[in-house]
Amino acid sequence: SVPSAHDRFFKRVLNDLRVARAFFDYHLPATVRQAIDMNSLQPCKDSFIDPHLQLAMTDMLFMANFAGRPGYLYTLAEH
């Protein structure tokens, strides 16, 4: 599908790590936020192959450390 202006805006804004950190700080439950090292947050490609070789698409994908272990946050935003 063709990305809309809203999709492009969302991706552009969340590529600013200050905005991404604020977004996750506001929307994630406190227990999840406490486990994430927000200083390690980095945007990734918006598609990836999972361990079972299935293609997955996201609006935005971020890598971060969760309680000292690497993990991912992905967003699927509808507007």
PDB file of N, CA and C in Angstrom:
ATOM      1  N   SER A   1       0.835  -1.187   0.000  1.00  0.00           N
ATOM      2  CA  SER A   1       0.000   0.000   0.000  1.00  0.00           C
ATOM      3  C   SER A   1       0.875   1.244   0.000  1.00  0.00           C
ATOM      4  N   VAL A   2       0.310   2.340  -0.438  1.00  0.00           N
ATOM      5  CA  VAL A   2       1.017   3.606  -0.506  1.00  0.00           C
ATOM      6  C   VAL A   2       0.916   4.296   0.847  1.00  0.00           C
ATOM      7  N   PRO A   3       2.055   4.693   1.434  1.00  0.00           N
ATOM      8  CA  PRO A   3       1.988   5.365   2.732  1.00  0.00           C
ATOM      9  C   PRO A   3       1.297   6.720   2.615  1.00  0.00           C
ATOM     10  N   SER A   4       0.461   7.025   3.578  1.00  0.00           N
ATOM     11  CA  SER A   4      -0.245   8.303   3.580  1.00  0.00           C
ATOM     12  C   SER A   4       0.646   9.376   4.193  1.00  0.00           C
ATOM     13  N   ALA A   5       0.192  10.622   4.066  1.00  0.00           N
ATOM     14  CA  ALA A   5       0.913  11.736   4.686  1.00  0.00           C
ATOM     15  C   ALA A   5       0.993  11.533   6.195  1.00  0.00           C
ATOM     16  N   HIS A   6      -0.078  10.953   6.788  1.00  0.00           N
ATOM     17  CA  HIS A   6      -0.068  10.695   8.231  1.00  0.00           C
ATOM     18  C   HIS A   6       1.002   9.671   8.597  1.00  0.00           C
ATOM     19  N   ASP A   7       1.134   8.625   7.796  1.00  0.00           N
ATOM     20  CA  ASP A   7       2.159   7.603   8.049  1.00  0.00           C
ATOM     21  C   ASP A   7       3.555   8.205   7.980  1.00  0.00           C
ATOM     22  N   ARG A   8       3.791   8.989   6.941  1.00  0.00           N
ATOM     23  CA  ARG A   8       5.115   9.613   6.781  1.00  0.00           C
ATOM     24  C   ARG A   8       5.409  10.564   7.937  1.00  0.00           C
ATOM     25  N   PHE A   9       4.401  11.329   8.352  1.00  0.00           N
ATOM     26  CA  PHE A   9       4.579  12.251   9.477  1.00  0.00           C
ATOM     27  C   PHE A   9       4.904  11.482  10.758  1.00  0.00           C
ATOM     28  N   PHE A  10       4.145  10.423  11.043  1.00  0.00           N
ATOM     29  CA  PHE A  10       4.344   9.614  12.246  1.00  0.00           C
ATOM     30  C   PHE A  10       5.773   9.061  12.286  1.00  0.00           C
ATOM     31  N   LYS A  11       6.219   8.502  11.169  1.00  0.00           N
ATOM     32  CA  LYS A  11       7.570   7.926  11.123  1.00  0.00           C
ATOM     33  C   LYS A  11       8.634   9.006  11.280  1.00  0.00           C
ATOM     34  N   ARG A  12       8.430  10.123  10.637  1.00  0.00           N
ATOM     35  CA  ARG A  12       9.407  11.214  10.716  1.00  0.00           C
ATOM     36  C   ARG A  12       9.537  11.718  12.152  1.00  0.00           C
ATOM     37  N   VAL A  13       8.401  11.923  12.811  1.00  0.00           N
ATOM     38  CA  VAL A  13       8.401  12.443  14.174  1.00  0.00           C
ATOM     39  C   VAL A  13       9.028  11.437  15.139  1.00  0.00           C
ATOM     40  N   LEU A  14       8.666  10.160  15.023  1.00  0.00           N
ATOM     41  CA  LEU A  14       9.204   9.160  15.956  1.00  0.00           C
ATOM     42  C   LEU A  14      10.672   8.841  15.701  1.00  0.00           C
ATOM     43  N   ASN A  15      11.236   9.246  14.587  1.00  0.00           N
ATOM     44  CA  ASN A  15      12.670   9.073  14.380  1.00  0.00           C
ATOM     45  C   ASN A  15      13.485  10.039  15.231  1.00  0.00           C
ATOM     46  N   ASP A  16      12.840  11.060  15.790  1.00  0.00           N
ATOM     47  CA  ASP A  16      13.487  11.939  16.767  1.00  0.00           C
ATOM     48  C   ASP A  16      13.422  11.198  18.107  1.00  0.00           C
ATOM     49  N   LEU A  17      14.559  10.788  18.631  1.00  0.00           N
ATOM     50  CA  LEU A  17      14.574   9.962  19.845  1.00  0.00           C
ATOM     51  C   LEU A  17      13.949  10.664  21.047  1.00  0.00           C
ATOM     52  N   ARG A  18      14.016  11.979  21.104  1.00  0.00           N
ATOM     53  CA  ARG A  18      13.356  12.688  22.216  1.00  0.00           C
ATOM     54  C   ARG A  18      11.852  12.471  22.143  1.00  0.00           C
ATOM     55  N   VAL A  19      11.293  12.540  20.950  1.00  0.00           N
ATOM     56  CA  VAL A  19       9.854  12.328  20.765  1.00  0.00           C
ATOM     57  C   VAL A  19       9.503  10.870  21.028  1.00  0.00           C
ATOM     58  N   ALA A  20      10.313   9.946  20.530  1.00  0.00           N
ATOM     59  CA  ALA A  20      10.053   8.517  20.737  1.00  0.00           C
ATOM     60  C   ALA A  20      10.061   8.171  22.225  1.00  0.00           C
ATOM     61  N   ARG A  21      11.041   8.695  22.954  1.00  0.00           N
ATOM     62  CA  ARG A  21      11.091   8.427  24.400  1.00  0.00           C
ATOM     63  C   ARG A  21       9.847   8.972  25.095  1.00  0.00           C
ATOM     64  N   ALA A  22       9.441  10.182  24.738  1.00  0.00           N
ATOM     65  CA  ALA A  22       8.236  10.776  25.336  1.00  0.00           C
ATOM     66  C   ALA A  22       6.988   9.966  24.969  1.00  0.00           C
ATOM     67  N   PHE A  23       6.919   9.507  23.723  1.00  0.00           N
ATOM     68  CA  PHE A  23       5.791   8.688  23.266  1.00  0.00           C
ATOM     69  C   PHE A  23       5.681   7.412  24.104  1.00  0.00           C
ATOM     70  N   PHE A  24       6.794   6.689  24.257  1.00  0.00           N
ATOM     71  CA  PHE A  24       6.761   5.445  25.026  1.00  0.00           C
ATOM     72  C   PHE A  24       6.541   5.713  26.509  1.00  0.00           C
ATOM     73  N   ASP A  25       7.109   6.786  27.016  1.00  0.00           N
ATOM     74  CA  ASP A  25       6.918   7.131  28.421  1.00  0.00           C
ATOM     75  C   ASP A  25       5.437   7.364  28.720  1.00  0.00           C
ATOM     76  N   TYR A  26       4.737   7.990  27.789  1.00  0.00           N
ATOM     77  CA  TYR A  26       3.315   8.292  27.979  1.00  0.00           C
ATOM     78  C   TYR A  26       2.429   7.057  27.786  1.00  0.00           C
ATOM     79  N   HIS A  27       2.767   6.212  26.800  1.00  0.00           N
ATOM     80  CA  HIS A  27       1.850   5.141  26.404  1.00  0.00           C
ATOM     81  C   HIS A  27       2.125   3.773  27.023  1.00  0.00           C
ATOM     82  N   LEU A  28       3.318   3.522  27.518  1.00  0.00           N
ATOM     83  CA  LEU A  28       3.615   2.202  28.085  1.00  0.00           C
ATOM     84  C   LEU A  28       3.237   2.141  29.558  1.00  0.00           C
ATOM     85  N   PRO A  29       2.798   0.975  30.022  1.00  0.00           N
ATOM     86  CA  PRO A  29       2.535   0.803  31.455  1.00  0.00           C
ATOM     87  C   PRO A  29       3.823   1.012  32.260  1.00  0.00           C
ATOM     88  N   ALA A  30       3.670   1.474  33.475  1.00  0.00           N
ATOM     89  CA  ALA A  30       4.823   1.784  34.331  1.00  0.00           C
ATOM     90  C   ALA A  30       5.761   0.593  34.492  1.00  0.00           C
ATOM     91  N   THR A  31       5.236  -0.617  34.637  1.00  0.00           N
ATOM     92  CA  THR A  31       6.103  -1.785  34.830  1.00  0.00           C
ATOM     93  C   THR A  31       6.976  -2.042  33.609  1.00  0.00           C
ATOM     94  N   VAL A  32       6.446  -1.770  32.434  1.00  0.00           N
ATOM     95  CA  VAL A  32       7.230  -1.949  31.206  1.00  0.00           C
ATOM     96  C   VAL A  32       8.261  -0.833  31.087  1.00  0.00           C
ATOM     97  N   ARG A  33       7.830   0.414  31.321  1.00  0.00           N
ATOM     98  CA  ARG A  33       8.753   1.559  31.246  1.00  0.00           C
ATOM     99  C   ARG A  33       9.944   1.371  32.163  1.00  0.00           C
ATOM    100  N   GLN A  34       9.700   0.858  33.362  1.00  0.00           N
ATOM    101  CA  GLN A  34      10.782   0.690  34.339  1.00  0.00           C
ATOM    102  C   GLN A  34      11.808  -0.342  33.885  1.00  0.00           C
ATOM    103  N   ALA A  35      11.400  -1.285  33.067  1.00  0.00           N
ATOM    104  CA  ALA A  35      12.311  -2.329  32.596  1.00  0.00           C
ATOM    105  C   ALA A  35      13.169  -1.873  31.422  1.00  0.00           C
ATOM    106  N   ILE A  36      12.770  -0.779  30.748  1.00  0.00           N
ATOM    107  CA  ILE A  36      13.454  -0.353  29.530  1.00  0.00           C
ATOM    108  C   ILE A  36      14.486   0.718  29.837  1.00  0.00           C
ATOM    109  N   ASP A  37      15.684   0.530  29.313  1.00  0.00           N
ATOM    110  CA  ASP A  37      16.715   1.563  29.363  1.00  0.00           C
ATOM    111  C   ASP A  37      16.476   2.478  28.171  1.00  0.00           C
ATOM    112  N   MET A  38      15.779   3.593  28.386  1.00  0.00           N
ATOM    113  CA  MET A  38      15.427   4.494  27.287  1.00  0.00           C
ATOM    114  C   MET A  38      16.653   5.121  26.636  1.00  0.00           C
ATOM    115  N   ASN A  39      17.791   5.136  27.334  1.00  0.00           N
ATOM    116  CA  ASN A  39      19.027   5.649  26.722  1.00  0.00           C
ATOM    117  C   ASN A  39      19.553   4.704  25.652  1.00  0.00           C
ATOM    118  N   SER A  40      19.101   3.465  25.650  1.00  0.00           N
ATOM    119  CA  SER A  40      19.543   2.496  24.645  1.00  0.00           C
ATOM    120  C   SER A  40      18.589   2.435  23.439  1.00  0.00           C
ATOM    121  N   LEU A  41      17.507   3.192  23.469  1.00  0.00           N
ATOM    122  CA  LEU A  41      16.487   3.172  22.415  1.00  0.00           C
ATOM    123  C   LEU A  41      17.078   3.623  21.082  1.00  0.00           C
ATOM    124  N   GLN A  42      16.883   2.795  20.039  1.00  0.00           N
ATOM    125  CA  GLN A  42      17.363   3.104  18.689  1.00  0.00           C
ATOM    126  C   GLN A  42      16.327   2.657  17.668  1.00  0.00           C
ATOM    127  N   PRO A  43      16.034   3.501  16.674  1.00  0.00           N
ATOM    128  CA  PRO A  43      15.111   3.066  15.622  1.00  0.00           C
ATOM    129  C   PRO A  43      15.755   2.003  14.743  1.00  0.00           C
ATOM    130  N   CYS A  44      14.948   1.097  14.223  1.00  0.00           N
ATOM    131  CA  CYS A  44      15.408   0.015  13.343  1.00  0.00           C
ATOM    132  C   CYS A  44      14.618   0.071  12.043  1.00  0.00           C
ATOM    133  N   LYS A  45      14.960  -0.839  11.132  1.00  0.00           N
ATOM    134  CA  LYS A  45      14.185  -0.978   9.904  1.00  0.00           C
ATOM    135  C   LYS A  45      12.732  -1.310  10.252  1.00  0.00           C
ATOM    136  N   ASP A  46      11.818  -0.992   9.332  1.00  0.00           N
ATOM    137  CA  ASP A  46      10.404  -1.211   9.618  1.00  0.00           C
ATOM    138  C   ASP A  46       9.882  -2.564   9.147  1.00  0.00           C
ATOM    139  N   SER A  47      10.783  -3.440   8.730  1.00  0.00           N
ATOM    140  CA  SER A  47      10.394  -4.818   8.434  1.00  0.00           C
ATOM    141  C   SER A  47      11.502  -5.731   8.919  1.00  0.00           C
ATOM    142  N   PHE A  48      11.141  -6.937   9.273  1.00  0.00           N
ATOM    143  CA  PHE A  48      12.126  -7.881   9.787  1.00  0.00           C
ATOM    144  C   PHE A  48      11.589  -9.295   9.633  1.00  0.00           C
ATOM    145  N   ILE A  49      12.477 -10.261   9.737  1.00  0.00           N
ATOM    146  CA  ILE A  49      12.105 -11.672   9.691  1.00  0.00           C
ATOM    147  C   ILE A  49      12.196 -12.207  11.117  1.00  0.00           C
ATOM    148  N   ASP A  50      11.100 -12.772  11.608  1.00  0.00           N
ATOM    149  CA  ASP A  50      11.114 -13.295  12.968  1.00  0.00           C
ATOM    150  C   ASP A  50      11.826 -14.655  13.000  1.00  0.00           C
ATOM    151  N   PRO A  51      12.054 -15.211  14.202  1.00  0.00           N
ATOM    152  CA  PRO A  51      12.786 -16.478  14.304  1.00  0.00           C
ATOM    153  C   PRO A  51      12.148 -17.637  13.538  1.00  0.00           C
ATOM    154  N   HIS A  52      10.860 -17.546  13.227  1.00  0.00           N
ATOM    155  CA  HIS A  52      10.172 -18.607  12.483  1.00  0.00           C
ATOM    156  C   HIS A  52      10.096 -18.285  10.993  1.00  0.00           C
ATOM    157  N   LEU A  53      10.944 -17.337  10.549  1.00  0.00           N
ATOM    158  CA  LEU A  53      11.076 -16.938   9.147  1.00  0.00           C
ATOM    159  C   LEU A  53       9.800 -16.338   8.564  1.00  0.00           C
ATOM    160  N   GLN A  54       9.055 -15.619   9.387  1.00  0.00           N
ATOM    161  CA  GLN A  54       7.875 -14.924   8.904  1.00  0.00           C
ATOM    162  C   GLN A  54       8.182 -13.435   8.814  1.00  0.00           C
ATOM    163  N   LEU A  55       7.818 -12.823   7.695  1.00  0.00           N
ATOM    164  CA  LEU A  55       8.014 -11.400   7.506  1.00  0.00           C
ATOM    165  C   LEU A  55       7.024 -10.635   8.366  1.00  0.00           C
ATOM    166  N   ALA A  56       7.501  -9.603   9.062  1.00  0.00           N
ATOM    167  CA  ALA A  56       6.637  -8.743   9.857  1.00  0.00           C
ATOM    168  C   ALA A  56       6.884  -7.291   9.459  1.00  0.00           C
ATOM    169  N   MET A  57       5.818  -6.513   9.398  1.00  0.00           N
ATOM    170  CA  MET A  57       5.910  -5.096   9.065  1.00  0.00           C
ATOM    171  C   MET A  57       5.421  -4.295  10.266  1.00  0.00           C
ATOM    172  N   THR A  58       6.053  -3.173  10.515  1.00  0.00           N
ATOM    173  CA  THR A  58       5.638  -2.293  11.598  1.00  0.00           C
ATOM    174  C   THR A  58       5.595  -0.866  11.094  1.00  0.00           C
ATOM    175  N   ASP A  59       4.889  -0.009  11.819  1.00  0.00           N
ATOM    176  CA  ASP A  59       4.974   1.415  11.521  1.00  0.00           C
ATOM    177  C   ASP A  59       6.343   1.932  11.947  1.00  0.00           C
ATOM    178  N   MET A  60       6.749   1.568  13.146  1.00  0.00           N
ATOM    179  CA  MET A  60       8.080   1.920  13.663  1.00  0.00           C
ATOM    180  C   MET A  60       8.570   0.770  14.540  1.00  0.00           C
ATOM    181  N   LEU A  61       9.838   0.461  14.432  1.00  0.00           N
ATOM    182  CA  LEU A  61      10.457  -0.588  15.229  1.00  0.00           C
ATOM    183  C   LEU A  61      11.655   0.022  15.942  1.00  0.00           C
ATOM    184  N   PHE A  62      11.762  -0.250  17.240  1.00  0.00           N
ATOM    185  CA  PHE A  62      12.864   0.252  18.046  1.00  0.00           C
ATOM    186  C   PHE A  62      13.534  -0.896  18.778  1.00  0.00           C
ATOM    187  N   MET A  63      14.829  -0.798  18.918  1.00  0.00           N
ATOM    188  CA  MET A  63      15.598  -1.737  19.732  1.00  0.00           C
ATOM    189  C   MET A  63      15.945  -1.022  21.038  1.00  0.00           C
ATOM    190  N   ALA A  64      15.899  -1.764  22.152  1.00  0.00           N
ATOM    191  CA  ALA A  64      16.255  -1.200  23.455  1.00  0.00           C
ATOM    192  C   ALA A  64      16.647  -2.339  24.382  1.00  0.00           C
ATOM    193  N   ASN A  65      17.297  -1.995  25.473  1.00  0.00           N
ATOM    194  CA  ASN A  65      17.625  -2.984  26.496  1.00  0.00           C
ATOM    195  C   ASN A  65      16.483  -3.055  27.504  1.00  0.00           C
ATOM    196  N   PHE A  66      16.024  -4.269  27.747  1.00  0.00           N
ATOM    197  CA  PHE A  66      14.960  -4.554  28.712  1.00  0.00           C
ATOM    198  C   PHE A  66      15.587  -5.331  29.854  1.00  0.00           C
ATOM    199  N   ALA A  67      15.669  -4.698  31.008  1.00  0.00           N
ATOM    200  CA  ALA A  67      16.276  -5.333  32.178  1.00  0.00           C
ATOM    201  C   ALA A  67      17.634  -5.940  31.811  1.00  0.00           C
ATOM    202  N   GLY A  68      18.413  -5.185  31.029  1.00  0.00           N
ATOM    203  CA  GLY A  68      19.754  -5.613  30.663  1.00  0.00           C
ATOM    204  C   GLY A  68      19.843  -6.543  29.467  1.00  0.00           C
ATOM    205  N   ARG A  69      18.711  -6.901  28.867  1.00  0.00           N
ATOM    206  CA  ARG A  69      18.708  -7.797  27.710  1.00  0.00           C
ATOM    207  C   ARG A  69      18.136  -7.072  26.502  1.00  0.00           C
ATOM    208  N   PRO A  70      18.658  -7.330  25.302  1.00  0.00           N
ATOM    209  CA  PRO A  70      18.134  -6.649  24.118  1.00  0.00           C
ATOM    210  C   PRO A  70      16.719  -7.098  23.797  1.00  0.00           C
ATOM    211  N   GLY A  71      15.940  -6.154  23.321  1.00  0.00           N
ATOM    212  CA  GLY A  71      14.568  -6.450  22.931  1.00  0.00           C
ATOM    213  C   GLY A  71      14.068  -5.385  21.972  1.00  0.00           C
ATOM    214  N   TYR A  72      12.813  -5.483  21.612  1.00  0.00           N
ATOM    215  CA  TYR A  72      12.236  -4.585  20.619  1.00  0.00           C
ATOM    216  C   TYR A  72      10.902  -4.016  21.076  1.00  0.00           C
ATOM    217  N   LEU A  73      10.641  -2.807  20.633  1.00  0.00           N
ATOM    218  CA  LEU A  73       9.332  -2.163  20.772  1.00  0.00           C
ATOM    219  C   LEU A  73       8.865  -1.883  19.359  1.00  0.00           C
ATOM    220  N   TYR A  74       7.651  -2.311  19.013  1.00  0.00           N
ATOM    221  CA  TYR A  74       7.157  -1.938  17.704  1.00  0.00           C
ATOM    222  C   TYR A  74       5.804  -1.283  17.837  1.00  0.00           C
ATOM    223  N   THR A  75       5.553  -0.381  16.932  1.00  0.00           N
ATOM    224  CA  THR A  75       4.311   0.367  16.953  1.00  0.00           C
ATOM    225  C   THR A  75       3.490   0.044  15.718  1.00  0.00           C
ATOM    226  N   LEU A  76       2.224  -0.093  15.910  1.00  0.00           N
ATOM    227  CA  LEU A  76       1.249  -0.194  14.832  1.00  0.00           C
ATOM    228  C   LEU A  76       0.194   0.846  15.167  1.00  0.00           C
ATOM    229  N   ALA A  77       0.310   2.002  14.574  1.00  0.00           N
ATOM    230  CA  ALA A  77      -0.564   3.119  14.924  1.00  0.00           C
ATOM    231  C   ALA A  77      -1.633   3.319  13.870  1.00  0.00           C
ATOM    232  N   GLU A  78      -2.855   3.418  14.302  1.00  0.00           N
ATOM    233  CA  GLU A  78      -3.968   3.744  13.418  1.00  0.00           C
ATOM    234  C   GLU A  78      -4.423   5.152  13.763  1.00  0.00           C
ATOM    235  N   HIS A  79      -4.742   5.909  12.745  1.00  0.00           N
ATOM    236  CA  HIS A  79      -5.155   7.281  12.987  1.00  0.00           C
ATOM    237  C   HIS A  79      -6.336   7.638  12.112  1.00  0.00           C
TER     238      HIS A  79
END
